Amino acid sequence: MTYKVKLDVFEGPLDLLLYLIKKEEADIFDIPISKITEQYLHYLEYMELLDLHIAGEFIVMAATLMHIKSRLLLPPDEQPPEEVEEEDPRAELVRRLIEYKKFKEAAGELSELERRRSMVFPRSVDETQYIDQTEGPYFEASIFDLINAFSTILKSVSREAFLEVVKDEFTVEEKVHELFHMLVEQPVINFKDIFKKSRSKIELIATFLALLELIRLKEVMVRQHNIFGEIEVVRNPNNIGPKLKAAVEGTPNGTV
């Protein structure tokens, strides 16, 4: 792959850990470290497969998780005497997660206050604006929600299709145009439906990267009506213009 996507608001390793803990409905004070480590490594594999920009902090956290896991697996009689009374190996990680969670919740509250204020003094917008308050509450899907949903789609592709030599060449640029035109005709699309026409692993990845590019350009948003629920891709009709044109014209190496 020669096309890298770097999202402006790409979450970090602590975000991924909090996401996995919440997904597993685990107690943050009693993290099932073995299971969470395994899932964390799977997400890193998918991020590498997609050629996403992965900060070094993700690799450091992976090493930290594996170290904690190995310490927890040590039989008590093999531990040095001076370490018998040592605190739980997960304690420092739990402290970091709780502190980070508090900051995230505070930031979320500030964002909510800003949103409410914008509703008090509404701007003049098109009635078809993609955030429709009449549709009920929704949650903006994170990059990890997208990776989780995409991994399910990849698993549904047959092994033969994975091994098939594909002669057609797909570019992220072409897929950006294709997705954009799909959303012009249908402003709200189920996440799974944008991959229906893809016939190979390469085409699936190109389509997913195109979606990330449209998210980065704020041409679309991705949302869920329930946490970890079905993902919808929603077009933003108020942001169509130069950004998209400049992006697709400036991706000569967008071949996948």
C-alpha atoms as a PDB file:
ATOM      1  CA  MET A   1       0.000   0.000   0.000  1.00  0.00           C
ATOM      2  CA  THR A   2       1.209   3.470  -0.811  1.00  0.00           C
ATOM      3  CA  TYR A   3      -1.596   5.561   0.657  1.00  0.00           C
ATOM      4  CA  LYS A   4      -1.391   6.580   4.306  1.00  0.00           C
ATOM      5  CA  VAL A   5      -4.288   8.134   6.192  1.00  0.00           C
ATOM      6  CA  LYS A   6      -3.561  10.283   9.204  1.00  0.00           C
ATOM      7  CA  LEU A   7      -6.721  11.466  10.907  1.00  0.00           C
ATOM      8  CA  ASP A   8      -6.536  14.818  12.666  1.00  0.00           C
ATOM      9  CA  VAL A   9      -8.312  13.414  15.727  1.00  0.00           C
ATOM     10  CA  PHE A  10      -6.846   9.915  15.776  1.00  0.00           C
ATOM     11  CA  GLU A  11      -7.252   8.425  19.233  1.00  0.00           C
ATOM     12  CA  GLY A  12      -4.317   7.114  21.257  1.00  0.00           C
ATOM     13  CA  PRO A  13      -3.529   3.841  23.069  1.00  0.00           C
ATOM     14  CA  LEU A  14      -5.386   4.811  26.259  1.00  0.00           C
ATOM     15  CA  ASP A  15      -8.487   5.494  24.159  1.00  0.00           C
ATOM     16  CA  LEU A  16      -8.179   2.018  22.660  1.00  0.00           C
ATOM     17  CA  LEU A  17      -7.808   0.411  26.092  1.00  0.00           C
ATOM     18  CA  LEU A  18     -10.855   2.257  27.465  1.00  0.00           C
ATOM     19  CA  TYR A  19     -12.781   1.225  24.356  1.00  0.00           C
ATOM     20  CA  LEU A  20     -11.861  -2.464  24.823  1.00  0.00           C
ATOM     21  CA  ILE A  21     -12.632  -2.399  28.561  1.00  0.00           C
ATOM     22  CA  LYS A  22     -16.043  -0.870  27.879  1.00  0.00           C
ATOM     23  CA  LYS A  23     -16.704  -3.279  25.006  1.00  0.00           C
ATOM     24  CA  GLU A  24     -15.950  -6.247  27.264  1.00  0.00           C
ATOM     25  CA  GLU A  25     -17.983  -4.675  30.096  1.00  0.00           C
ATOM     26  CA  ALA A  26     -14.948  -5.237  32.314  1.00  0.00           C
ATOM     27  CA  ASP A  27     -14.154  -3.595  35.644  1.00  0.00           C
ATOM     28  CA  ILE A  28     -11.472  -0.961  35.132  1.00  0.00           C
ATOM     29  CA  PHE A  29     -10.125  -1.845  38.594  1.00  0.00           C
ATOM     30  CA  ASP A  30      -9.841  -5.519  37.654  1.00  0.00           C
ATOM     31  CA  ILE A  31      -8.763  -5.509  34.002  1.00  0.00           C
ATOM     32  CA  PRO A  32      -8.738  -8.986  32.374  1.00  0.00           C
ATOM     33  CA  ILE A  33      -5.243  -8.232  31.107  1.00  0.00           C
ATOM     34  CA  SER A  34      -4.763 -11.398  29.051  1.00  0.00           C
ATOM     35  CA  LYS A  35      -7.962 -10.903  27.040  1.00  0.00           C
ATOM     36  CA  ILE A  36      -7.489  -7.137  26.650  1.00  0.00           C
ATOM     37  CA  THR A  37      -3.870  -7.593  25.530  1.00  0.00           C
ATOM     38  CA  GLU A  38      -4.902 -10.119  22.885  1.00  0.00           C
ATOM     39  CA  GLN A  39      -7.598  -7.803  21.537  1.00  0.00           C
ATOM     40  CA  TYR A  40      -5.286  -4.774  21.651  1.00  0.00           C
ATOM     41  CA  LEU A  41      -2.716  -6.626  19.509  1.00  0.00           C
ATOM     42  CA  HIS A  42      -5.453  -7.597  17.038  1.00  0.00           C
ATOM     43  CA  TYR A  43      -6.408  -3.946  16.607  1.00  0.00           C
ATOM     44  CA  LEU A  44      -2.763  -3.043  15.997  1.00  0.00           C
ATOM     45  CA  GLU A  45      -2.597  -5.736  13.322  1.00  0.00           C
ATOM     46  CA  TYR A  46      -5.609  -4.246  11.548  1.00  0.00           C
ATOM     47  CA  MET A  47      -4.168  -0.732  11.832  1.00  0.00           C
ATOM     48  CA  GLU A  48      -0.946  -1.959  10.232  1.00  0.00           C
ATOM     49  CA  LEU A  49      -2.905  -3.830   7.547  1.00  0.00           C
ATOM     50  CA  LEU A  50      -4.723  -0.590   6.703  1.00  0.00           C
ATOM     51  CA  ASP A  51      -1.412   1.279   6.711  1.00  0.00           C
ATOM     52  CA  LEU A  52      -2.779   3.818   9.164  1.00  0.00           C
ATOM     53  CA  HIS A  53      -0.399   6.220  10.831  1.00  0.00           C
ATOM     54  CA  ILE A  54       0.403   4.470  14.133  1.00  0.00           C
ATOM     55  CA  ALA A  55       2.131   6.558  16.772  1.00  0.00           C
ATOM     56  CA  GLY A  56       4.972   4.971  18.723  1.00  0.00           C
ATOM     57  CA  GLU A  57       2.845   5.181  21.879  1.00  0.00           C
ATOM     58  CA  PHE A  58       0.725   2.294  20.585  1.00  0.00           C
ATOM     59  CA  ILE A  59       3.780   0.040  20.368  1.00  0.00           C
ATOM     60  CA  VAL A  60       4.980   1.120  23.823  1.00  0.00           C
ATOM     61  CA  MET A  61       1.568   0.320  25.286  1.00  0.00           C
ATOM     62  CA  ALA A  62       1.610  -3.107  23.609  1.00  0.00           C
ATOM     63  CA  ALA A  63       4.949  -3.829  25.274  1.00  0.00           C
ATOM     64  CA  THR A  64       3.577  -2.601  28.610  1.00  0.00           C
ATOM     65  CA  LEU A  65       0.551  -4.868  28.373  1.00  0.00           C
ATOM     66  CA  MET A  66       2.668  -7.894  27.519  1.00  0.00           C
ATOM     67  CA  HIS A  67       5.001  -7.118  30.442  1.00  0.00           C
ATOM     68  CA  ILE A  68       2.066  -6.872  32.859  1.00  0.00           C
ATOM     69  CA  LYS A  69       0.621 -10.093  31.459  1.00  0.00           C
ATOM     70  CA  SER A  70       3.918 -11.942  31.946  1.00  0.00           C
ATOM     71  CA  ARG A  71       4.215 -10.709  35.543  1.00  0.00           C
ATOM     72  CA  LEU A  72       0.692 -11.876  36.334  1.00  0.00           C
ATOM     73  CA  LEU A  73       1.488 -15.304  34.883  1.00  0.00           C
ATOM     74  CA  LEU A  74       4.491 -15.810  37.170  1.00  0.00           C
ATOM     75  CA  PRO A  75       3.752 -18.393  39.873  1.00  0.00           C
ATOM     76  CA  PRO A  76       3.981 -16.873  43.396  1.00  0.00           C
ATOM     77  CA  ASP A  77       6.830 -19.196  44.444  1.00  0.00           C
ATOM     78  CA  GLU A  78       8.994 -17.970  41.531  1.00  0.00           C
ATOM     79  CA  GLN A  79       8.805 -14.338  42.601  1.00  0.00           C
ATOM     80  CA  PRO A  80      11.734 -12.915  44.566  1.00  0.00           C
ATOM     81  CA  PRO A  81      10.960 -12.513  48.309  1.00  0.00           C
ATOM     82  CA  GLU A  82      11.150  -8.710  48.144  1.00  0.00           C
ATOM     83  CA  GLU A  83       8.418  -8.637  45.455  1.00  0.00           C
ATOM     84  CA  VAL A  84       5.874 -10.807  47.273  1.00  0.00           C
ATOM     85  CA  GLU A  85       4.131  -7.794  48.788  1.00  0.00           C
ATOM     86  CA  GLU A  86       4.407  -5.721  45.627  1.00  0.00           C
ATOM     87  CA  GLU A  87       1.221  -4.038  44.409  1.00  0.00           C
ATOM     88  CA  ASP A  88      -0.839  -5.434  41.560  1.00  0.00           C
ATOM     89  CA  PRO A  89       1.162  -5.108  38.289  1.00  0.00           C
ATOM     90  CA  ARG A  90      -1.919  -3.489  36.740  1.00  0.00           C
ATOM     91  CA  ALA A  91      -2.133  -0.729  39.367  1.00  0.00           C
ATOM     92  CA  GLU A  92      -0.097   1.925  37.521  1.00  0.00           C
ATOM     93  CA  LEU A  93      -1.993   1.298  34.283  1.00  0.00           C
ATOM     94  CA  VAL A  94      -5.319   1.547  36.128  1.00  0.00           C
ATOM     95  CA  ARG A  95      -4.251   4.893  37.640  1.00  0.00           C
ATOM     96  CA  ARG A  96      -3.346   6.233  34.186  1.00  0.00           C
ATOM     97  CA  LEU A  97      -6.630   5.031  32.696  1.00  0.00           C
ATOM     98  CA  ILE A  98      -8.751   6.557  35.462  1.00  0.00           C
ATOM     99  CA  GLU A  99      -6.953   9.884  35.223  1.00  0.00           C
ATOM    100  CA  TYR A 100      -7.280   9.912  31.422  1.00  0.00           C
ATOM    101  CA  LYS A 101     -10.958   8.899  31.644  1.00  0.00           C
ATOM    102  CA  LYS A 102     -11.640  11.886  33.913  1.00  0.00           C
ATOM    103  CA  PHE A 103     -10.038  14.267  31.414  1.00  0.00           C
ATOM    104  CA  LYS A 104     -12.040  12.735  28.562  1.00  0.00           C
ATOM    105  CA  GLU A 105     -15.306  13.031  30.470  1.00  0.00           C
ATOM    106  CA  ALA A 106     -14.530  16.663  31.348  1.00  0.00           C
ATOM    107  CA  ALA A 107     -13.758  17.403  27.701  1.00  0.00           C
ATOM    108  CA  GLY A 108     -17.016  15.687  26.701  1.00  0.00           C
ATOM    109  CA  GLU A 109     -18.989  17.843  29.121  1.00  0.00           C
ATOM    110  CA  LEU A 110     -17.418  20.991  27.682  1.00  0.00           C
ATOM    111  CA  SER A 111     -18.265  19.843  24.153  1.00  0.00           C
ATOM    112  CA  GLU A 112     -21.852  19.204  25.211  1.00  0.00           C
ATOM    113  CA  LEU A 113     -22.117  22.689  26.715  1.00  0.00           C
ATOM    114  CA  GLU A 114     -20.766  24.136  23.470  1.00  0.00           C
ATOM    115  CA  ARG A 115     -23.302  22.121  21.478  1.00  0.00           C
ATOM    116  CA  ARG A 116     -26.195  23.342  23.646  1.00  0.00           C
ATOM    117  CA  ARG A 117     -25.010  26.917  23.303  1.00  0.00           C
ATOM    118  CA  SER A 118     -24.897  26.601  19.519  1.00  0.00           C
ATOM    119  CA  MET A 119     -28.535  25.445  19.640  1.00  0.00           C
ATOM    120  CA  VAL A 120     -29.515  28.557  21.609  1.00  0.00           C
ATOM    121  CA  PHE A 121     -27.945  30.773  18.971  1.00  0.00           C
ATOM    122  CA  PRO A 122     -28.487  28.649  15.857  1.00  0.00           C
ATOM    123  CA  ARG A 123     -26.630  29.435  12.696  1.00  0.00           C
ATOM    124  CA  SER A 124     -28.466  29.660   9.403  1.00  0.00           C
ATOM    125  CA  VAL A 125     -28.097  26.187   7.905  1.00  0.00           C
ATOM    126  CA  ASP A 126     -29.720  24.068   5.262  1.00  0.00           C
ATOM    127  CA  GLU A 127     -32.690  22.078   6.581  1.00  0.00           C
ATOM    128  CA  THR A 128     -31.053  18.921   5.245  1.00  0.00           C
ATOM    129  CA  GLN A 129     -28.041  19.308   7.544  1.00  0.00           C
ATOM    130  CA  TYR A 130     -26.654  15.880   8.327  1.00  0.00           C
ATOM    131  CA  ILE A 131     -27.129  16.166  12.094  1.00  0.00           C
ATOM    132  CA  ASP A 132     -30.876  15.736  12.402  1.00  0.00           C
ATOM    133  CA  GLN A 133     -31.926  16.300  16.005  1.00  0.00           C
ATOM    134  CA  THR A 134     -35.342  14.740  15.295  1.00  0.00           C
ATOM    135  CA  GLU A 135     -33.778  11.326  14.757  1.00  0.00           C
ATOM    136  CA  GLY A 136     -33.071  10.873  18.423  1.00  0.00           C
ATOM    137  CA  PRO A 137     -29.781  10.549  20.269  1.00  0.00           C
ATOM    138  CA  TYR A 138     -26.715   9.127  18.564  1.00  0.00           C
ATOM    139  CA  PHE A 139     -23.039   8.654  19.278  1.00  0.00           C
ATOM    140  CA  GLU A 140     -20.207   9.556  16.958  1.00  0.00           C
ATOM    141  CA  ALA A 141     -18.390   6.344  16.071  1.00  0.00           C
ATOM    142  CA  SER A 142     -14.687   6.242  16.870  1.00  0.00           C
ATOM    143  CA  ILE A 143     -11.871   4.934  14.690  1.00  0.00           C
ATOM    144  CA  PHE A 144     -11.937   1.772  16.825  1.00  0.00           C
ATOM    145  CA  ASP A 145     -15.654   1.248  16.144  1.00  0.00           C
ATOM    146  CA  LEU A 146     -14.843   1.505  12.434  1.00  0.00           C
ATOM    147  CA  ILE A 147     -11.925  -0.933  12.665  1.00  0.00           C
ATOM    148  CA  ASN A 148     -14.068  -3.375  14.642  1.00  0.00           C
ATOM    149  CA  ALA A 149     -16.866  -3.227  12.048  1.00  0.00           C
ATOM    150  CA  PHE A 150     -14.394  -3.470   9.180  1.00  0.00           C
ATOM    151  CA  SER A 151     -12.686  -6.516  10.710  1.00  0.00           C
ATOM    152  CA  THR A 152     -16.061  -8.292  10.691  1.00  0.00           C
ATOM    153  CA  ILE A 153     -16.453  -7.509   6.993  1.00  0.00           C
ATOM    154  CA  LEU A 154     -12.938  -8.768   6.229  1.00  0.00           C
ATOM    155  CA  LYS A 155     -13.673 -12.021   8.033  1.00  0.00           C
ATOM    156  CA  SER A 156     -16.748 -12.529   5.866  1.00  0.00           C
ATOM    157  CA  VAL A 157     -14.617 -12.582   2.695  1.00  0.00           C
ATOM    158  CA  SER A 158     -13.740 -16.103   1.629  1.00  0.00           C
ATOM    159  CA  ARG A 159     -10.154 -17.334   1.907  1.00  0.00           C
ATOM    160  CA  GLU A 160     -10.137 -17.885  -1.866  1.00  0.00           C
ATOM    161  CA  ALA A 161     -10.914 -14.197  -2.422  1.00  0.00           C
ATOM    162  CA  PHE A 162      -8.074 -13.243  -0.074  1.00  0.00           C
ATOM    163  CA  LEU A 163      -5.602 -15.346  -2.034  1.00  0.00           C
ATOM    164  CA  GLU A 164      -6.942 -14.380  -5.451  1.00  0.00           C
ATOM    165  CA  VAL A 165      -4.612 -12.346  -7.652  1.00  0.00           C
ATOM    166  CA  VAL A 166      -6.593  -9.255  -8.569  1.00  0.00           C
ATOM    167  CA  LYS A 167      -5.713  -7.686 -11.906  1.00  0.00           C
ATOM    168  CA  ASP A 168      -7.836  -4.580 -11.417  1.00  0.00           C
ATOM    169  CA  GLU A 169      -6.120  -1.691  -9.689  1.00  0.00           C
ATOM    170  CA  PHE A 170      -8.105   0.333  -7.198  1.00  0.00           C
ATOM    171  CA  THR A 171      -7.137   3.776  -5.975  1.00  0.00           C
ATOM    172  CA  VAL A 172      -8.310   5.597  -2.887  1.00  0.00           C
ATOM    173  CA  GLU A 173      -9.036   8.583  -5.122  1.00  0.00           C
ATOM    174  CA  GLU A 174     -11.490   6.556  -7.218  1.00  0.00           C
ATOM    175  CA  LYS A 175     -13.148   5.149  -4.129  1.00  0.00           C
ATOM    176  CA  VAL A 176     -13.480   8.638  -2.608  1.00  0.00           C
ATOM    177  CA  HIS A 177     -15.419   9.735  -5.703  1.00  0.00           C
ATOM    178  CA  GLU A 178     -17.470   6.533  -5.693  1.00  0.00           C
ATOM    179  CA  LEU A 179     -18.437   6.859  -2.018  1.00  0.00           C
ATOM    180  CA  PHE A 180     -19.146  10.545  -2.356  1.00  0.00           C
ATOM    181  CA  HIS A 181     -21.551   9.972  -5.255  1.00  0.00           C
ATOM    182  CA  MET A 182     -23.237   7.166  -3.317  1.00  0.00           C
ATOM    183  CA  LEU A 183     -23.844   9.603  -0.463  1.00  0.00           C
ATOM    184  CA  VAL A 184     -25.151  12.297  -2.795  1.00  0.00           C
ATOM    185  CA  GLU A 185     -27.853   9.867  -3.911  1.00  0.00           C
ATOM    186  CA  GLN A 186     -28.407   8.450  -0.427  1.00  0.00           C
ATOM    187  CA  PRO A 187     -27.280  10.838   2.372  1.00  0.00           C
ATOM    188  CA  VAL A 188     -27.409   8.117   5.066  1.00  0.00           C
ATOM    189  CA  ILE A 189     -25.916   4.685   4.367  1.00  0.00           C
ATOM    190  CA  ASN A 190     -25.310   1.703   6.615  1.00  0.00           C
ATOM    191  CA  PHE A 191     -21.567   1.120   7.044  1.00  0.00           C
ATOM    192  CA  LYS A 192     -21.785  -2.439   5.710  1.00  0.00           C
ATOM    193  CA  ASP A 193     -23.564  -1.327   2.551  1.00  0.00           C
ATOM    194  CA  ILE A 194     -20.635   0.744   1.259  1.00  0.00           C
ATOM    195  CA  PHE A 195     -18.649  -2.497   0.860  1.00  0.00           C
ATOM    196  CA  LYS A 196     -21.330  -4.498  -0.971  1.00  0.00           C
ATOM    197  CA  LYS A 197     -19.750  -4.034  -4.408  1.00  0.00           C
ATOM    198  CA  SER A 198     -16.213  -4.837  -3.245  1.00  0.00           C
ATOM    199  CA  ARG A 199     -14.980  -8.164  -4.597  1.00  0.00           C
ATOM    200  CA  SER A 200     -11.547  -8.512  -3.012  1.00  0.00           C
ATOM    201  CA  LYS A 201      -9.535  -7.690   0.081  1.00  0.00           C
ATOM    202  CA  ILE A 202      -7.669  -4.969  -1.831  1.00  0.00           C
ATOM    203  CA  GLU A 203     -10.893  -3.276  -2.893  1.00  0.00           C
ATOM    204  CA  LEU A 204     -12.300  -3.496   0.644  1.00  0.00           C
ATOM    205  CA  ILE A 205      -9.225  -1.773   2.053  1.00  0.00           C
ATOM    206  CA  ALA A 206      -9.288   0.944  -0.631  1.00  0.00           C
ATOM    207  CA  THR A 207     -12.948   1.627   0.181  1.00  0.00           C
ATOM    208  CA  PHE A 208     -12.259   1.818   3.911  1.00  0.00           C
ATOM    209  CA  LEU A 209      -9.353   4.242   3.396  1.00  0.00           C
ATOM    210  CA  ALA A 210     -11.586   6.364   1.166  1.00  0.00           C
ATOM    211  CA  LEU A 211     -14.145   6.552   3.971  1.00  0.00           C
ATOM    212  CA  LEU A 212     -11.446   7.678   6.421  1.00  0.00           C
ATOM    213  CA  GLU A 213     -10.378  10.349   3.931  1.00  0.00           C
ATOM    214  CA  LEU A 214     -13.942  11.673   3.680  1.00  0.00           C
ATOM    215  CA  ILE A 215     -14.173  11.706   7.490  1.00  0.00           C
ATOM    216  CA  ARG A 216     -10.895  13.632   7.700  1.00  0.00           C
ATOM    217  CA  LEU A 217     -12.232  16.187   5.210  1.00  0.00           C
ATOM    218  CA  LYS A 218     -15.455  16.444   7.255  1.00  0.00           C
ATOM    219  CA  GLU A 219     -17.463  15.527   4.169  1.00  0.00           C
ATOM    220  CA  VAL A 220     -19.119  12.741   6.177  1.00  0.00           C
ATOM    221  CA  MET A 221     -19.600  11.678   9.764  1.00  0.00           C
ATOM    222  CA  VAL A 222     -20.089   8.206  11.192  1.00  0.00           C
ATOM    223  CA  ARG A 223     -22.564   7.625  13.983  1.00  0.00           C
ATOM    224  CA  GLN A 224     -24.311   4.985  16.080  1.00  0.00           C
ATOM    225  CA  HIS A 225     -27.713   5.199  17.725  1.00  0.00           C
ATOM    226  CA  ASN A 226     -26.453   2.831  20.420  1.00  0.00           C
ATOM    227  CA  ILE A 227     -22.946   2.338  21.803  1.00  0.00           C
ATOM    228  CA  PHE A 228     -21.285  -0.476  19.799  1.00  0.00           C
ATOM    229  CA  GLY A 229     -24.393  -0.535  17.592  1.00  0.00           C
ATOM    230  CA  GLU A 230     -24.760  -0.419  13.818  1.00  0.00           C
ATOM    231  CA  ILE A 231     -22.730   2.342  12.170  1.00  0.00           C
ATOM    232  CA  GLU A 232     -24.265   4.849   9.776  1.00  0.00           C
ATOM    233  CA  VAL A 233     -22.295   6.969   7.312  1.00  0.00           C
ATOM    234  CA  VAL A 234     -23.901  10.400   6.945  1.00  0.00           C
ATOM    235  CA  ARG A 235     -23.100  13.028   4.316  1.00  0.00           C
ATOM    236  CA  ASN A 236     -22.492  16.638   5.358  1.00  0.00           C
ATOM    237  CA  PRO A 237     -24.172  18.748   2.640  1.00  0.00           C
ATOM    238  CA  ASN A 238     -22.761  21.950   4.121  1.00  0.00           C
ATOM    239  CA  ASN A 239     -19.148  21.006   3.528  1.00  0.00           C
ATOM    240  CA  ILE A 240     -19.068  20.117  -0.170  1.00  0.00           C
ATOM    241  CA  GLY A 241     -16.490  21.965  -2.185  1.00  0.00           C
ATOM    242  CA  PRO A 242     -12.798  22.786  -2.585  1.00  0.00           C
ATOM    243  CA  LYS A 243     -11.526  20.466   0.170  1.00  0.00           C
ATOM    244  CA  LEU A 244     -12.744  17.313  -1.526  1.00  0.00           C
ATOM    245  CA  LYS A 245     -11.552  18.415  -4.948  1.00  0.00           C
ATOM    246  CA  ALA A 246      -8.121  19.373  -3.625  1.00  0.00           C
ATOM    247  CA  ALA A 247      -7.813  16.097  -1.731  1.00  0.00           C
ATOM    248  CA  VAL A 248      -8.600  13.786  -4.619  1.00  0.00           C
ATOM    249  CA  GLU A 249      -6.510  15.799  -7.072  1.00  0.00           C
ATOM    250  CA  GLY A 250      -3.585  15.718  -4.666  1.00  0.00           C
ATOM    251  CA  THR A 251      -3.412  11.938  -4.194  1.00  0.00           C
ATOM    252  CA  PRO A 252      -1.330  10.707  -7.146  1.00  0.00           C
ATOM    253  CA  ASN A 253      -0.008   7.868  -4.998  1.00  0.00           C
ATOM    254  CA  GLY A 254      -3.400   6.764  -3.869  1.00  0.00           C
ATOM    255  CA  THR A 255      -3.073   3.362  -5.519  1.00  0.00           C
ATOM    256  CA  VAL A 256      -3.831   0.357  -3.374  1.00  0.00           C
END
